[in-house]
């Protein structure tokens, strides 16, 4: 299930990056 773990990690990183961008530049949303 290496593919599933890779997808889970990718989604986690994307979610964290999205939260950081939302906090740094809230005017873009």
C-alpha atoms as a PDB file:
ATOM      1  CA  UNK A   1       0.000   0.000   0.000  1.00  0.00           C
ATOM      2  CA  UNK A   2       2.892   2.339  -0.725  1.00  0.00           C
ATOM      3  CA  UNK A   3       0.799   4.247  -3.266  1.00  0.00           C
ATOM      4  CA  UNK A   4      -1.928   4.886  -0.682  1.00  0.00           C
ATOM      5  CA  UNK A   5       0.616   6.182   1.829  1.00  0.00           C
ATOM      6  CA  UNK A   6       2.152   8.454  -0.810  1.00  0.00           C
ATOM      7  CA  UNK A   7      -1.284   9.893  -1.646  1.00  0.00           C
ATOM      8  CA  UNK A   8      -2.043  10.404   2.050  1.00  0.00           C
ATOM      9  CA  UNK A   9       1.239  12.264   2.577  1.00  0.00           C
ATOM     10  CA  UNK A  10       0.669  14.383  -0.534  1.00  0.00           C
ATOM     11  CA  UNK A  11      -2.830  15.346   0.652  1.00  0.00           C
ATOM     12  CA  UNK A  12      -1.489  16.193   4.106  1.00  0.00           C
ATOM     13  CA  UNK A  13       1.253  18.437   2.708  1.00  0.00           C
ATOM     14  CA  UNK A  14      -1.217  20.119   0.346  1.00  0.00           C
ATOM     15  CA  UNK A  15      -3.643  20.752   3.217  1.00  0.00           C
ATOM     16  CA  UNK A  16      -0.905  22.290   5.384  1.00  0.00           C
ATOM     17  CA  UNK A  17       0.330  24.454   2.497  1.00  0.00           C
ATOM     18  CA  UNK A  18      -3.245  25.609   1.809  1.00  0.00           C
ATOM     19  CA  UNK A  19      -3.722  26.562   5.475  1.00  0.00           C
ATOM     20  CA  UNK A  20      -0.422  28.481   5.514  1.00  0.00           C
ATOM     21  CA  UNK A  21      -1.358  30.415   2.363  1.00  0.00           C
ATOM     22  CA  UNK A  22      -4.833  31.129   3.763  1.00  0.00           C
ATOM     23  CA  UNK A  23      -3.269  32.520   6.956  1.00  0.00           C
ATOM     24  CA  UNK A  24      -0.558  34.546   5.204  1.00  0.00           C
ATOM     25  CA  UNK A  25      -2.691  35.922   2.354  1.00  0.00           C
ATOM     26  CA  UNK A  26      -6.372  35.814   3.422  1.00  0.00           C
ATOM     27  CA  UNK A  27      -7.232  38.591   0.955  1.00  0.00           C
ATOM     28  CA  UNK A  28      -6.827  36.150  -1.955  1.00  0.00           C
ATOM     29  CA  UNK A  29      -9.749  34.009  -0.776  1.00  0.00           C
END
